[in-house]
Amino acid sequence: LRIGTTADLVEQVLRGRLEAAIAGDAPAHSDLSSES
């Protein structure tokens, strides 16, 4: 479990350092999918 800000968590998912994250807002990135 890694703690971070929404921007940090999204970046870590994009770089493959995290497999998933619960973030504050849905990321606006075409390589990611989100669910509320």
Full PDB file with SEQRES, HELIX, SHEET, SSBOND, CRYST1, ORIGX, SCALE, CONECT and MASTER records, all heavy atoms in Angstrom:
SEQRES   1 A   36  LEU ARG ILE GLY THR THR ALA ASP LEU VAL GLU GLN VAL          
SEQRES   2 A   36  LEU ARG GLY ARG LEU GLU ALA ALA ILE ALA GLY ASP ALA          
SEQRES   3 A   36  PRO ALA HIS SER ASP LEU SER SER GLU SER                      
HELIX    1 AA1 THR A    6  LEU A   14  1                                   9    
CRYST1    1.000    1.000    1.000  90.00  90.00  90.00 P 1           1          
ORIGX1      1.000000  0.000000  0.000000        0.00000                         
ORIGX2      0.000000  1.000000  0.000000        0.00000                         
ORIGX3      0.000000  0.000000  1.000000        0.00000                         
SCALE1      1.000000  0.000000  0.000000        0.00000                         
SCALE2      0.000000  1.000000  0.000000        0.00000                         
SCALE3      0.000000  0.000000  1.000000        0.00000                         
ATOM      1  N   LEU A   1       0.838  -1.185   0.000  1.00  0.00           N  
ATOM      2  CA  LEU A   1       0.000   0.000   0.000  1.00  0.00           C  
ATOM      3  C   LEU A   1       0.881   1.246   0.000  1.00  0.00           C  
ATOM      4  O   LEU A   1       1.761   1.385   0.843  1.00  0.00           O  
ATOM      5  CB  LEU A   1      -0.920   0.006   1.224  1.00  0.00           C  
ATOM      6  CG  LEU A   1      -1.873   1.179   1.346  1.00  0.00           C  
ATOM      7  CD1 LEU A   1      -2.821   1.233   0.153  1.00  0.00           C  
ATOM      8  CD2 LEU A   1      -2.650   1.073   2.653  1.00  0.00           C  
ATOM      9  N   ARG A   2       0.628   2.116  -0.958  1.00  0.00           N  
ATOM     10  CA  ARG A   2       1.383   3.369  -1.041  1.00  0.00           C  
ATOM     11  C   ARG A   2       0.411   4.535  -0.967  1.00  0.00           C  
ATOM     12  O   ARG A   2      -0.616   4.543  -1.643  1.00  0.00           O  
ATOM     13  CB  ARG A   2       2.181   3.425  -2.336  1.00  0.00           C  
ATOM     14  CG  ARG A   2       3.183   2.281  -2.416  1.00  0.00           C  
ATOM     15  CD  ARG A   2       4.111   2.416  -3.574  1.00  0.00           C  
ATOM     16  NE  ARG A   2       4.833   1.163  -3.758  1.00  0.00           N  
ATOM     17  CZ  ARG A   2       5.144   0.642  -4.925  1.00  0.00           C  
ATOM     18  NH1 ARG A   2       4.826   1.282  -6.030  1.00  0.00           N  
ATOM     19  NH2 ARG A   2       5.781  -0.496  -5.005  1.00  0.00           N  
ATOM     20  N   ILE A   3       0.760   5.501  -0.143  1.00  0.00           N  
ATOM     21  CA  ILE A   3      -0.075   6.683   0.065  1.00  0.00           C  
ATOM     22  C   ILE A   3       0.455   7.818  -0.797  1.00  0.00           C  
ATOM     23  O   ILE A   3       1.669   7.989  -0.941  1.00  0.00           O  
ATOM     24  CB  ILE A   3      -0.031   7.113   1.557  1.00  0.00           C  
ATOM     25  CG1 ILE A   3      -0.394   5.935   2.465  1.00  0.00           C  
ATOM     26  CG2 ILE A   3      -0.913   8.313   1.811  1.00  0.00           C  
ATOM     27  CD1 ILE A   3      -1.760   5.362   2.253  1.00  0.00           C  
ATOM     28  N   GLY A   4      -0.450   8.604  -1.381  1.00  0.00           N  
ATOM     29  CA  GLY A   4      -0.013   9.737  -2.185  1.00  0.00           C  
ATOM     30  C   GLY A   4      -1.171  10.650  -2.536  1.00  0.00           C  
ATOM     31  O   GLY A   4      -2.318  10.386  -2.191  1.00  0.00           O  
ATOM     32  N   THR A   5      -0.834  11.688  -3.251  1.00  0.00           N  
ATOM     33  CA  THR A   5      -1.855  12.597  -3.756  1.00  0.00           C  
ATOM     34  C   THR A   5      -2.460  11.992  -5.021  1.00  0.00           C  
ATOM     35  O   THR A   5      -1.884  11.063  -5.617  1.00  0.00           O  
ATOM     36  CB  THR A   5      -1.248  13.965  -4.099  1.00  0.00           C  
ATOM     37  OG1 THR A   5      -0.313  13.773  -5.181  1.00  0.00           O  
ATOM     38  CG2 THR A   5      -0.555  14.593  -2.902  1.00  0.00           C  
ATOM     39  N   THR A   6      -3.583  12.529  -5.465  1.00  0.00           N  
ATOM     40  CA  THR A   6      -4.214  12.016  -6.684  1.00  0.00           C  
ATOM     41  C   THR A   6      -3.242  12.078  -7.855  1.00  0.00           C  
ATOM     42  O   THR A   6      -3.071  11.095  -8.583  1.00  0.00           O  
ATOM     43  CB  THR A   6      -5.499  12.805  -7.002  1.00  0.00           C  
ATOM     44  OG1 THR A   6      -6.439  12.561  -5.952  1.00  0.00           O  
ATOM     45  CG2 THR A   6      -6.104  12.388  -8.329  1.00  0.00           C  
ATOM     46  N   ALA A   7      -2.573  13.209  -8.044  1.00  0.00           N  
ATOM     47  CA  ALA A   7      -1.640  13.362  -9.168  1.00  0.00           C  
ATOM     48  C   ALA A   7      -0.493  12.354  -9.069  1.00  0.00           C  
ATOM     49  O   ALA A   7      -0.103  11.737 -10.071  1.00  0.00           O  
ATOM     50  CB  ALA A   7      -1.088  14.786  -9.209  1.00  0.00           C  
ATOM     51  N   ASP A   8       0.034  12.155  -7.869  1.00  0.00           N  
ATOM     52  CA  ASP A   8       1.134  11.214  -7.657  1.00  0.00           C  
ATOM     53  C   ASP A   8       0.671   9.785  -7.946  1.00  0.00           C  
ATOM     54  O   ASP A   8       1.374   9.009  -8.598  1.00  0.00           O  
ATOM     55  CB  ASP A   8       1.642  11.339  -6.218  1.00  0.00           C  
ATOM     56  CG  ASP A   8       2.781  10.383  -5.924  1.00  0.00           C  
ATOM     57  OD1 ASP A   8       3.725  10.316  -6.731  1.00  0.00           O  
ATOM     58  OD2 ASP A   8       2.718   9.686  -4.877  1.00  0.00           O  
ATOM     59  N   LEU A   9      -0.501   9.418  -7.472  1.00  0.00           N  
ATOM     60  CA  LEU A   9      -1.013   8.061  -7.676  1.00  0.00           C  
ATOM     61  C   LEU A   9      -1.264   7.781  -9.155  1.00  0.00           C  
ATOM     62  O   LEU A   9      -0.905   6.719  -9.670  1.00  0.00           O  
ATOM     63  CB  LEU A   9      -2.299   7.856  -6.867  1.00  0.00           C  
ATOM     64  CG  LEU A   9      -2.134   7.913  -5.345  1.00  0.00           C  
ATOM     65  CD1 LEU A   9      -3.500   7.903  -4.667  1.00  0.00           C  
ATOM     66  CD2 LEU A   9      -1.265   6.774  -4.839  1.00  0.00           C  
ATOM     67  N   VAL A  10      -1.843   8.748  -9.863  1.00  0.00           N  
ATOM     68  CA  VAL A  10      -2.076   8.589 -11.297  1.00  0.00           C  
ATOM     69  C   VAL A  10      -0.751   8.399 -12.020  1.00  0.00           C  
ATOM     70  O   VAL A  10      -0.608   7.517 -12.874  1.00  0.00           O  
ATOM     71  CB  VAL A  10      -2.863   9.797 -11.861  1.00  0.00           C  
ATOM     72  CG1 VAL A  10      -2.855   9.799 -13.387  1.00  0.00           C  
ATOM     73  CG2 VAL A  10      -4.287   9.795 -11.326  1.00  0.00           C  
ATOM     74  N   GLU A  11       0.235   9.202 -11.691  1.00  0.00           N  
ATOM     75  CA  GLU A  11       1.561   9.091 -12.316  1.00  0.00           C  
ATOM     76  C   GLU A  11       2.186   7.716 -12.053  1.00  0.00           C  
ATOM     77  O   GLU A  11       2.767   7.105 -12.952  1.00  0.00           O  
ATOM     78  CB  GLU A  11       2.475  10.210 -11.794  1.00  0.00           C  
ATOM     79  CG  GLU A  11       3.830  10.250 -12.443  1.00  0.00           C  
ATOM     80  CD  GLU A  11       3.805  10.566 -13.935  1.00  0.00           C  
ATOM     81  OE1 GLU A  11       2.859  11.224 -14.400  1.00  0.00           O  
ATOM     82  OE2 GLU A  11       4.738  10.141 -14.631  1.00  0.00           O  
ATOM     83  N   GLN A  12       2.062   7.215 -10.827  1.00  0.00           N  
ATOM     84  CA  GLN A  12       2.634   5.908 -10.493  1.00  0.00           C  
ATOM     85  C   GLN A  12       1.934   4.771 -11.240  1.00  0.00           C  
ATOM     86  O   GLN A  12       2.581   3.814 -11.663  1.00  0.00           O  
ATOM     87  CB  GLN A  12       2.580   5.669  -8.986  1.00  0.00           C  
ATOM     88  CG  GLN A  12       3.603   6.501  -8.221  1.00  0.00           C  
ATOM     89  CD  GLN A  12       3.685   6.078  -6.783  1.00  0.00           C  
ATOM     90  OE1 GLN A  12       3.957   4.921  -6.501  1.00  0.00           O  
ATOM     91  NE2 GLN A  12       3.447   7.025  -5.871  1.00  0.00           N  
ATOM     92  N   VAL A  13       0.625   4.879 -11.433  1.00  0.00           N  
ATOM     93  CA  VAL A  13      -0.098   3.876 -12.215  1.00  0.00           C  
ATOM     94  C   VAL A  13       0.375   3.922 -13.669  1.00  0.00           C  
ATOM     95  O   VAL A  13       0.649   2.893 -14.287  1.00  0.00           O  
ATOM     96  CB  VAL A  13      -1.630   4.069 -12.117  1.00  0.00           C  
ATOM     97  CG1 VAL A  13      -2.361   3.174 -13.120  1.00  0.00           C  
ATOM     98  CG2 VAL A  13      -2.118   3.781 -10.701  1.00  0.00           C  
ATOM     99  N   LEU A  14       0.492   5.128 -14.231  1.00  0.00           N  
ATOM    100  CA  LEU A  14       0.947   5.274 -15.618  1.00  0.00           C  
ATOM    101  C   LEU A  14       2.354   4.716 -15.823  1.00  0.00           C  
ATOM    102  O   LEU A  14       2.661   4.160 -16.877  1.00  0.00           O  
ATOM    103  CB  LEU A  14       0.912   6.748 -16.032  1.00  0.00           C  
ATOM    104  CG  LEU A  14      -0.478   7.324 -16.279  1.00  0.00           C  
ATOM    105  CD1 LEU A  14      -0.416   8.843 -16.407  1.00  0.00           C  
ATOM    106  CD2 LEU A  14      -1.093   6.696 -17.522  1.00  0.00           C  
ATOM    107  N   ARG A  15       3.214   4.853 -14.831  1.00  0.00           N  
ATOM    108  CA  ARG A  15       4.599   4.356 -14.941  1.00  0.00           C  
ATOM    109  C   ARG A  15       4.724   2.870 -14.596  1.00  0.00           C  
ATOM    110  O   ARG A  15       5.800   2.309 -14.661  1.00  0.00           O  
ATOM    111  CB  ARG A  15       5.525   5.169 -14.051  1.00  0.00           C  
ATOM    112  CG  ARG A  15       5.715   6.590 -14.532  1.00  0.00           C  
ATOM    113  CD  ARG A  15       6.630   7.341 -13.568  1.00  0.00           C  
ATOM    114  NE  ARG A  15       6.793   8.709 -13.973  1.00  0.00           N  
ATOM    115  CZ  ARG A  15       7.883   9.182 -14.548  1.00  0.00           C  
ATOM    116  NH1 ARG A  15       8.896   8.397 -14.788  1.00  0.00           N  
ATOM    117  NH2 ARG A  15       7.958  10.446 -14.888  1.00  0.00           N  
ATOM    118  N   GLY A  16       3.613   2.241 -14.200  1.00  0.00           N  
ATOM    119  CA  GLY A  16       3.644   0.820 -13.882  1.00  0.00           C  
ATOM    120  C   GLY A  16       4.150   0.507 -12.488  1.00  0.00           C  
ATOM    121  O   GLY A  16       4.416  -0.646 -12.170  1.00  0.00           O  
ATOM    122  N   ARG A  17       4.285   1.516 -11.654  1.00  0.00           N  
ATOM    123  CA  ARG A  17       4.744   1.293 -10.277  1.00  0.00           C  
ATOM    124  C   ARG A  17       3.605   0.849  -9.372  1.00  0.00           C  
ATOM    125  O   ARG A  17       3.834   0.271  -8.324  1.00  0.00           O  
ATOM    126  CB  ARG A  17       5.392   2.560  -9.733  1.00  0.00           C  
ATOM    127  CG  ARG A  17       6.677   2.908 -10.458  1.00  0.00           C  
ATOM    128  CD  ARG A  17       7.332   4.122  -9.867  1.00  0.00           C  
ATOM    129  NE  ARG A  17       8.514   4.464 -10.632  1.00  0.00           N  
ATOM    130  CZ  ARG A  17       8.888   5.691 -10.888  1.00  0.00           C  
ATOM    131  NH1 ARG A  17       8.180   6.712 -10.446  1.00  0.00           N  
ATOM    132  NH2 ARG A  17       9.966   5.924 -11.600  1.00  0.00           N  
ATOM    133  N   LEU A  18       2.373   1.166  -9.764  1.00  0.00           N  
ATOM    134  CA  LEU A  18       1.174   0.716  -9.060  1.00  0.00           C  
ATOM    135  C   LEU A  18       0.275   0.022 -10.067  1.00  0.00           C  
ATOM    136  O   LEU A  18       0.177   0.448 -11.218  1.00  0.00           O  
ATOM    137  CB  LEU A  18       0.409   1.905  -8.458  1.00  0.00           C  
ATOM    138  CG  LEU A  18       1.046   2.699  -7.340  1.00  0.00           C  
ATOM    139  CD1 LEU A  18       0.160   3.886  -6.965  1.00  0.00           C  
ATOM    140  CD2 LEU A  18       1.287   1.815  -6.118  1.00  0.00           C  
ATOM    141  N   GLU A  19      -0.411  -1.016  -9.615  1.00  0.00           N  
ATOM    142  CA  GLU A  19      -1.369  -1.668 -10.498  1.00  0.00           C  
ATOM    143  C   GLU A  19      -2.722  -0.976 -10.464  1.00  0.00           C  
ATOM    144  O   GLU A  19      -3.476  -1.037 -11.434  1.00  0.00           O  
ATOM    145  CB  GLU A  19      -1.528  -3.134 -10.111  1.00  0.00           C  
ATOM    146  CG  GLU A  19      -0.437  -3.985 -10.736  1.00  0.00           C  
ATOM    147  CD  GLU A  19       0.433  -4.647  -9.703  1.00  0.00           C  
ATOM    148  OE1 GLU A  19       0.025  -5.691  -9.206  1.00  0.00           O  
ATOM    149  OE2 GLU A  19       1.506  -4.127  -9.411  1.00  0.00           O  
ATOM    150  N   ALA A  20      -3.038  -0.355  -9.346  1.00  0.00           N  
ATOM    151  CA  ALA A  20      -4.319   0.335  -9.198  1.00  0.00           C  
ATOM    152  C   ALA A  20      -4.194   1.370  -8.095  1.00  0.00           C  
ATOM    153  O   ALA A  20      -3.260   1.321  -7.295  1.00  0.00           O  
ATOM    154  CB  ALA A  20      -5.416  -0.665  -8.851  1.00  0.00           C  
ATOM    155  N   ALA A  21      -5.156   2.293  -8.072  1.00  0.00           N  
ATOM    156  CA  ALA A  21      -5.160   3.323  -7.029  1.00  0.00           C  
ATOM    157  C   ALA A  21      -6.574   3.835  -6.819  1.00  0.00           C  
ATOM    158  O   ALA A  21      -7.393   3.831  -7.740  1.00  0.00           O  
ATOM    159  CB  ALA A  21      -4.233   4.478  -7.407  1.00  0.00           C  
ATOM    160  N   ILE A  22      -6.817   4.256  -5.606  1.00  0.00           N  
ATOM    161  CA  ILE A  22      -8.047   4.977  -5.302  1.00  0.00           C  
ATOM    162  C   ILE A  22      -7.637   6.433  -5.163  1.00  0.00           C  
ATOM    163  O   ILE A  22      -6.840   6.778  -4.287  1.00  0.00           O  
ATOM    164  CB  ILE A  22      -8.699   4.467  -4.005  1.00  0.00           C  
ATOM    165  CG1 ILE A  22      -9.127   3.006  -4.170  1.00  0.00           C  
ATOM    166  CG2 ILE A  22      -9.903   5.341  -3.652  1.00  0.00           C  
ATOM    167  CD1 ILE A  22      -9.707   2.393  -2.917  1.00  0.00           C  
ATOM    168  N   ALA A  23      -8.160   7.253  -6.070  1.00  0.00           N  
ATOM    169  CA  ALA A  23      -7.770   8.655  -6.109  1.00  0.00           C  
ATOM    170  C   ALA A  23      -8.995   9.537  -5.885  1.00  0.00           C  
ATOM    171  O   ALA A  23     -10.128   9.055  -5.873  1.00  0.00           O  
ATOM    172  CB  ALA A  23      -7.116   8.974  -7.454  1.00  0.00           C  
ATOM    173  N   GLY A  24      -8.737  10.815  -5.732  1.00  0.00           N  
ATOM    174  CA  GLY A  24      -9.825  11.752  -5.447  1.00  0.00           C  
ATOM    175  C   GLY A  24     -10.735  12.012  -6.623  1.00  0.00           C  
ATOM    176  O   GLY A  24     -11.946  12.024  -6.493  1.00  0.00           O  
ATOM    177  N   ASP A  25     -10.182  12.215  -7.794  1.00  0.00           N  
ATOM    178  CA  ASP A  25     -10.961  12.515  -8.988  1.00  0.00           C  
ATOM    179  C   ASP A  25     -10.603  11.504 -10.065  1.00  0.00           C  
ATOM    180  O   ASP A  25      -9.493  10.985 -10.094  1.00  0.00           O  
ATOM    181  CB  ASP A  25     -10.637  13.918  -9.511  1.00  0.00           C  
ATOM    182  CG  ASP A  25     -11.028  14.996  -8.518  1.00  0.00           C  
ATOM    183  OD1 ASP A  25     -12.144  14.912  -7.979  1.00  0.00           O  
ATOM    184  OD2 ASP A  25     -10.208  15.909  -8.293  1.00  0.00           O  
ATOM    185  N   ALA A  26     -11.536  11.270 -10.975  1.00  0.00           N  
ATOM    186  CA  ALA A  26     -11.254  10.376 -12.093  1.00  0.00           C  
ATOM    187  C   ALA A  26     -10.152  10.983 -12.940  1.00  0.00           C  
ATOM    188  O   ALA A  26     -10.247  12.147 -13.332  1.00  0.00           O  
ATOM    189  CB  ALA A  26     -12.509  10.164 -12.920  1.00  0.00           C  
ATOM    190  N   PRO A  27      -9.095  10.245 -13.225  1.00  0.00           N  
ATOM    191  CA  PRO A  27      -7.997  10.788 -14.024  1.00  0.00           C  
ATOM    192  C   PRO A  27      -8.431  10.996 -15.470  1.00  0.00           C  
ATOM    193  O   PRO A  27      -9.105  10.154 -16.043  1.00  0.00           O  
ATOM    194  CB  PRO A  27      -6.912   9.719 -13.925  1.00  0.00           C  
ATOM    195  CG  PRO A  27      -7.636   8.461 -13.587  1.00  0.00           C  
ATOM    196  CD  PRO A  27      -8.851   8.863 -12.817  1.00  0.00           C  
ATOM    197  N   ALA A  28      -8.055  12.110 -16.021  1.00  0.00           N  
ATOM    198  CA  ALA A  28      -8.373  12.413 -17.417  1.00  0.00           C  
ATOM    199  C   ALA A  28      -7.191  11.977 -18.273  1.00  0.00           C  
ATOM    200  O   ALA A  28      -6.430  12.797 -18.763  1.00  0.00           O  
ATOM    201  CB  ALA A  28      -8.644  13.902 -17.580  1.00  0.00           C  
ATOM    202  N   HIS A  29      -7.036  10.671 -18.427  1.00  0.00           N  
ATOM    203  CA  HIS A  29      -5.926  10.150 -19.220  1.00  0.00           C  
ATOM    204  C   HIS A  29      -6.426   8.964 -20.043  1.00  0.00           C  
ATOM    205  O   HIS A  29      -7.078   8.066 -19.514  1.00  0.00           O  
ATOM    206  CB  HIS A  29      -4.775   9.720 -18.313  1.00  0.00           C  
ATOM    207  CG  HIS A  29      -3.496   9.587 -19.043  1.00  0.00           C  
ATOM    208  ND1 HIS A  29      -3.227   8.542 -19.878  1.00  0.00           N  
ATOM    209  CD2 HIS A  29      -2.413  10.395 -19.079  1.00  0.00           C  
ATOM    210  CE1 HIS A  29      -2.024   8.687 -20.396  1.00  0.00           C  
ATOM    211  NE2 HIS A  29      -1.509   9.802 -19.934  1.00  0.00           N  
ATOM    212  N   SER A  30      -6.089   8.946 -21.332  1.00  0.00           N  
ATOM    213  CA  SER A  30      -6.610   7.918 -22.234  1.00  0.00           C  
ATOM    214  C   SER A  30      -6.072   6.520 -21.929  1.00  0.00           C  
ATOM    215  O   SER A  30      -6.684   5.529 -22.320  1.00  0.00           O  
ATOM    216  CB  SER A  30      -6.290   8.295 -23.681  1.00  0.00           C  
ATOM    217  OG  SER A  30      -4.887   8.361 -23.866  1.00  0.00           O  
ATOM    218  N   ASP A  31      -4.944   6.412 -21.248  1.00  0.00           N  
ATOM    219  CA  ASP A  31      -4.372   5.101 -20.935  1.00  0.00           C  
ATOM    220  C   ASP A  31      -4.947   4.492 -19.654  1.00  0.00           C  
ATOM    221  O   ASP A  31      -4.564   3.380 -19.290  1.00  0.00           O  
ATOM    222  CB  ASP A  31      -2.845   5.201 -20.800  1.00  0.00           C  
ATOM    223  CG  ASP A  31      -2.162   5.452 -22.125  1.00  0.00           C  
ATOM    224  OD1 ASP A  31      -2.793   5.180 -23.171  1.00  0.00           O  
ATOM    225  OD2 ASP A  31      -1.017   5.928 -22.122  1.00  0.00           O  
ATOM    226  N   LEU A  32      -5.797   5.212 -18.977  1.00  0.00           N  
ATOM    227  CA  LEU A  32      -6.354   4.727 -17.712  1.00  0.00           C  
ATOM    228  C   LEU A  32      -7.867   4.607 -17.796  1.00  0.00           C  
ATOM    229  O   LEU A  32      -8.523   5.369 -18.488  1.00  0.00           O  
ATOM    230  CB  LEU A  32      -6.002   5.676 -16.568  1.00  0.00           C  
ATOM    231  CG  LEU A  32      -4.524   5.856 -16.268  1.00  0.00           C  
ATOM    232  CD1 LEU A  32      -4.332   6.892 -15.156  1.00  0.00           C  
ATOM    233  CD2 LEU A  32      -3.887   4.531 -15.872  1.00  0.00           C  
ATOM    234  N   SER A  33      -8.381   3.660 -17.056  1.00  0.00           N  
ATOM    235  CA  SER A  33      -9.832   3.576 -16.908  1.00  0.00           C  
ATOM    236  C   SER A  33     -10.137   3.792 -15.427  1.00  0.00           C  
ATOM    237  O   SER A  33      -9.314   3.531 -14.566  1.00  0.00           O  
ATOM    238  CB  SER A  33     -10.353   2.226 -17.386  1.00  0.00           C  
ATOM    239  OG  SER A  33      -9.825   1.198 -16.600  1.00  0.00           O  
ATOM    240  N   SER A  34     -11.329   4.275 -15.175  1.00  0.00           N  
ATOM    241  CA  SER A  34     -11.695   4.556 -13.783  1.00  0.00           C  
ATOM    242  C   SER A  34     -13.120   4.121 -13.535  1.00  0.00           C  
ATOM    243  O   SER A  34     -13.916   3.966 -14.459  1.00  0.00           O  
ATOM    244  CB  SER A  34     -11.513   6.034 -13.475  1.00  0.00           C  
ATOM    245  OG  SER A  34     -12.398   6.819 -14.250  1.00  0.00           O  
ATOM    246  N   GLU A  35     -13.401   3.953 -12.273  1.00  0.00           N  
ATOM    247  CA  GLU A  35     -14.738   3.575 -11.844  1.00  0.00           C  
ATOM    248  C   GLU A  35     -15.022   4.332 -10.550  1.00  0.00           C  
ATOM    249  O   GLU A  35     -14.177   4.378  -9.662  1.00  0.00           O  
ATOM    250  CB  GLU A  35     -14.785   2.073 -11.596  1.00  0.00           C  
ATOM    251  CG  GLU A  35     -16.155   1.573 -11.230  1.00  0.00           C  
ATOM    252  CD  GLU A  35     -16.188   0.050 -11.124  1.00  0.00           C  
ATOM    253  OE1 GLU A  35     -15.527  -0.627 -11.917  1.00  0.00           O  
ATOM    254  OE2 GLU A  35     -16.868  -0.435 -10.206  1.00  0.00           O  
ATOM    255  N   SER A  36     -16.194   4.865 -10.456  1.00  0.00           N  
ATOM    256  CA  SER A  36     -16.566   5.602  -9.262  1.00  0.00           C  
ATOM    257  C   SER A  36     -16.917   4.628  -8.147  1.00  0.00           C  
ATOM    258  O   SER A  36     -17.685   3.688  -8.337  1.00  0.00           O  
ATOM    259  CB  SER A  36     -17.763   6.504  -9.551  1.00  0.00           C  
ATOM    260  OG  SER A  36     -18.153   7.151  -8.349  1.00  0.00           O  
TER     261      SER A  36                                                      
MASTER        0    0    0    1    0    0    0    6  260    1    0    3          
END                                                                             
